[in-house]
Amino acid sequence: MNKDPAGPVTKAPAGALMDAAERKRKADRERIAAKRAAARAERGGDVSHERRMPVAPDHGTVPDADPLWHPLIRDLYAAIGRSGQSAFYEPSDYGMLRIGCEIMSQQLLSGRPSAVMFASWDALMARLLVTEGDRRRMRLELERGEAADPDEDAAVAIMAAYRDKRTAR
């Protein structure tokens, strides 16, 4: 019979061991999450924040749609060119969009569009942030600026000049 100098040996309930193991796993998850957050901050910021960009009314020139495309594809292509997310587009993005429009137009004109091709088209449109849901998943919000009011701009300029004149004394 072994006698423990610290006292009698007692057996811990099974739930207590599970609770301790669960607490350790939770602490490990929190430690890893903190390390990842620190690494994101070190790389230049936390990716969980929304990125906002004011959209200018003129996004530059959009390549022309092919007049032989299906009318729905031509309409969509024109709408994408006018949409706010096109401010982010590079020429390579327009190239991918034109390829996708060409393929989908052929599918619609054939009279028997393929479900697989439509799924590929949908994935391309998601990568180009075509829908509101796609932009939300990327935490991107487009802000539409209000039209400039010349009277308000003049009033602001007058008040700024007055303030500068008063502080110069």
Protein backbone atom coordinates (compact mmCIF):
# COMPACT_ATOMS: atom_id res chain seq x y z
CA MET A 1 0.00 0.00 0.00
CA ASN A 2 1.50 3.31 -1.12
CA LYS A 3 1.05 6.26 1.11
CA ASP A 4 1.30 9.67 -0.48
CA PRO A 5 2.94 12.24 1.83
CA ALA A 6 0.56 14.90 0.51
CA GLY A 7 -2.47 12.97 1.56
CA PRO A 8 -4.75 10.27 0.20
CA VAL A 9 -5.00 9.83 -3.55
CA THR A 10 -8.33 10.99 -4.87
CA LYS A 11 -9.70 10.39 -8.29
CA ALA A 12 -10.92 13.49 -10.20
CA PRO A 13 -14.33 13.25 -11.81
CA ALA A 14 -14.24 12.64 -15.58
CA GLY A 15 -15.99 15.98 -16.25
CA ALA A 16 -13.25 17.90 -14.46
CA LEU A 17 -10.60 16.47 -16.77
CA MET A 18 -12.69 17.30 -19.82
CA ASP A 19 -13.19 20.84 -18.57
CA ALA A 20 -9.45 21.31 -18.07
CA ALA A 21 -8.71 19.95 -21.55
CA GLU A 22 -11.37 22.17 -23.07
CA ARG A 23 -9.98 25.21 -21.22
CA LYS A 24 -6.52 24.44 -22.59
CA ARG A 25 -7.83 24.11 -26.16
CA LYS A 26 -9.71 27.40 -25.82
CA ALA A 27 -6.61 29.15 -24.50
CA ASP A 28 -4.59 27.71 -27.41
CA ARG A 29 -7.17 28.98 -29.94
CA GLU A 30 -7.12 32.44 -28.37
CA ARG A 31 -3.31 32.52 -28.39
CA ILE A 32 -3.23 31.53 -32.07
CA ALA A 33 -5.89 34.13 -32.94
CA ALA A 34 -3.86 36.83 -31.17
CA LYS A 35 -0.72 35.80 -33.09
CA ARG A 36 -2.59 35.96 -36.39
CA ALA A 37 -3.99 39.41 -35.57
CA ALA A 38 -0.49 40.63 -34.71
CA ALA A 39 0.85 39.22 -37.99
CA ARG A 40 -1.94 40.99 -39.95
CA ALA A 41 -1.16 44.26 -38.21
CA GLU A 42 2.53 43.78 -39.00
CA ARG A 43 1.74 43.23 -42.69
CA GLY A 44 -0.11 46.50 -42.90
CA GLY A 45 -3.47 46.22 -41.32
CA ASP A 46 -6.34 44.10 -40.20
CA VAL A 47 -8.22 42.61 -43.12
CA SER A 48 -11.48 42.63 -41.18
CA HIS A 49 -12.09 46.35 -41.80
CA GLU A 50 -14.13 47.53 -44.75
CA ARG A 51 -12.24 49.24 -47.53
CA ARG A 52 -14.06 52.24 -48.93
CA MET A 53 -13.19 54.15 -52.02
CA PRO A 54 -15.00 57.16 -53.39
CA VAL A 55 -16.03 56.47 -56.97
CA ALA A 56 -15.46 59.16 -59.56
CA PRO A 57 -18.24 59.65 -62.12
CA ASP A 58 -15.82 59.00 -65.00
CA HIS A 59 -14.01 55.66 -64.79
CA GLY A 60 -12.04 56.03 -68.00
CA THR A 61 -12.77 54.38 -71.30
CA VAL A 62 -14.48 51.01 -71.40
CA PRO A 63 -13.71 48.79 -74.40
CA ASP A 64 -16.67 48.53 -76.74
CA ALA A 65 -18.95 45.52 -76.61
CA ASP A 66 -18.99 43.23 -79.60
CA PRO A 67 -22.13 44.05 -81.66
CA LEU A 68 -22.54 40.33 -82.42
CA TRP A 69 -23.02 39.42 -78.75
CA HIS A 70 -26.41 38.34 -77.42
CA PRO A 71 -28.47 41.43 -76.42
CA LEU A 72 -28.51 40.41 -72.72
CA ILE A 73 -24.72 40.15 -72.68
CA ARG A 74 -24.32 43.52 -74.42
CA ASP A 75 -26.65 45.13 -71.84
CA LEU A 76 -24.79 43.54 -68.93
CA TYR A 77 -21.41 44.57 -70.35
CA ALA A 78 -22.59 48.18 -70.69
CA ALA A 79 -24.01 48.14 -67.14
CA ILE A 80 -20.74 46.81 -65.71
CA GLY A 81 -18.86 49.59 -67.48
CA ARG A 82 -21.09 52.20 -65.80
CA SER A 83 -21.01 50.53 -62.37
CA GLY A 84 -18.89 51.71 -59.47
CA GLN A 85 -16.74 48.59 -59.21
CA SER A 86 -15.35 49.23 -62.70
CA ALA A 87 -13.24 51.99 -61.10
CA PHE A 88 -11.13 49.14 -59.73
CA TYR A 89 -10.78 47.39 -63.10
CA GLU A 90 -7.48 47.16 -64.89
CA PRO A 91 -7.19 46.39 -68.61
CA SER A 92 -6.66 42.73 -67.74
CA ASP A 93 -9.99 42.71 -65.88
CA TYR A 94 -11.73 44.05 -68.96
CA GLY A 95 -9.96 41.37 -70.98
CA MET A 96 -11.34 38.65 -68.71
CA LEU A 97 -14.78 40.25 -68.82
CA ARG A 98 -14.73 40.33 -72.63
CA ILE A 99 -13.68 36.66 -72.80
CA GLY A 100 -16.48 35.70 -70.39
CA CYS A 101 -19.02 37.77 -72.34
CA GLU A 102 -17.95 36.17 -75.62
CA ILE A 103 -18.30 32.65 -74.25
CA MET A 104 -21.63 33.31 -72.51
CA SER A 105 -22.98 35.07 -75.59
CA GLN A 106 -22.15 32.00 -77.69
CA GLN A 107 -23.92 29.85 -75.11
CA LEU A 108 -27.08 31.99 -75.19
CA LEU A 109 -27.07 32.24 -78.97
CA SER A 110 -26.75 28.46 -79.29
CA GLY A 111 -30.19 28.00 -77.73
CA ARG A 112 -28.85 25.31 -75.36
CA PRO A 113 -26.72 27.02 -72.69
CA SER A 114 -24.61 24.70 -70.58
CA ALA A 115 -25.06 24.67 -66.80
CA VAL A 116 -21.31 24.10 -66.37
CA MET A 117 -20.51 27.12 -68.53
CA PHE A 118 -23.02 29.20 -66.58
CA ALA A 119 -21.32 28.17 -63.32
CA SER A 120 -17.95 29.24 -64.75
CA TRP A 121 -19.50 32.54 -65.89
CA ASP A 122 -20.96 33.10 -62.43
CA ALA A 123 -17.55 32.48 -60.81
CA LEU A 124 -15.93 34.99 -63.18
CA MET A 125 -18.58 37.60 -62.40
CA ALA A 126 -17.99 37.04 -58.67
CA ARG A 127 -14.24 37.62 -59.11
CA LEU A 128 -15.04 40.85 -60.94
CA LEU A 129 -17.30 41.96 -58.02
CA VAL A 130 -20.31 42.36 -60.29
CA THR A 131 -23.05 41.92 -57.68
CA GLU A 132 -23.64 43.66 -54.37
CA GLY A 133 -23.23 40.32 -52.55
CA ASP A 134 -19.82 39.77 -54.15
CA ARG A 135 -18.68 43.20 -53.00
CA ARG A 136 -20.00 42.62 -49.47
CA ARG A 137 -18.11 39.34 -49.22
CA MET A 138 -14.96 41.32 -50.02
CA ARG A 139 -16.03 43.98 -47.47
CA LEU A 140 -16.01 46.59 -50.21
CA GLU A 141 -18.56 49.36 -50.18
CA LEU A 142 -18.91 51.82 -53.01
CA GLU A 143 -19.69 55.37 -51.98
CA ARG A 144 -21.48 57.57 -54.43
CA GLY A 145 -20.48 61.21 -54.17
CA GLU A 146 -23.10 63.90 -54.36
CA ALA A 147 -22.98 66.37 -57.22
CA ALA A 148 -20.98 69.47 -56.36
CA ASP A 149 -23.08 72.54 -55.48
CA PRO A 150 -21.32 75.69 -56.79
CA ASP A 151 -23.18 77.93 -54.29
CA GLU A 152 -22.10 75.76 -51.36
CA ASP A 153 -18.50 75.67 -52.63
CA ALA A 154 -18.50 79.48 -52.92
CA ALA A 155 -19.91 79.88 -49.40
CA VAL A 156 -17.25 77.57 -47.99
CA ALA A 157 -14.51 79.50 -49.80
CA ILE A 158 -15.83 82.85 -48.45
CA MET A 159 -15.98 81.49 -44.89
CA ALA A 160 -12.45 80.06 -45.17
CA ALA A 161 -11.12 83.41 -46.43
CA TYR A 162 -12.89 85.19 -43.56
CA ARG A 163 -11.45 82.75 -41.02
CA ASP A 164 -7.94 83.15 -42.46
CA LYS A 165 -8.27 86.93 -42.37
CA ARG A 166 -9.43 86.88 -38.71
CA THR A 167 -6.62 84.54 -37.57
CA ALA A 168 -3.95 86.56 -39.42
CA ARG A 169 -4.47 89.60 -37.12
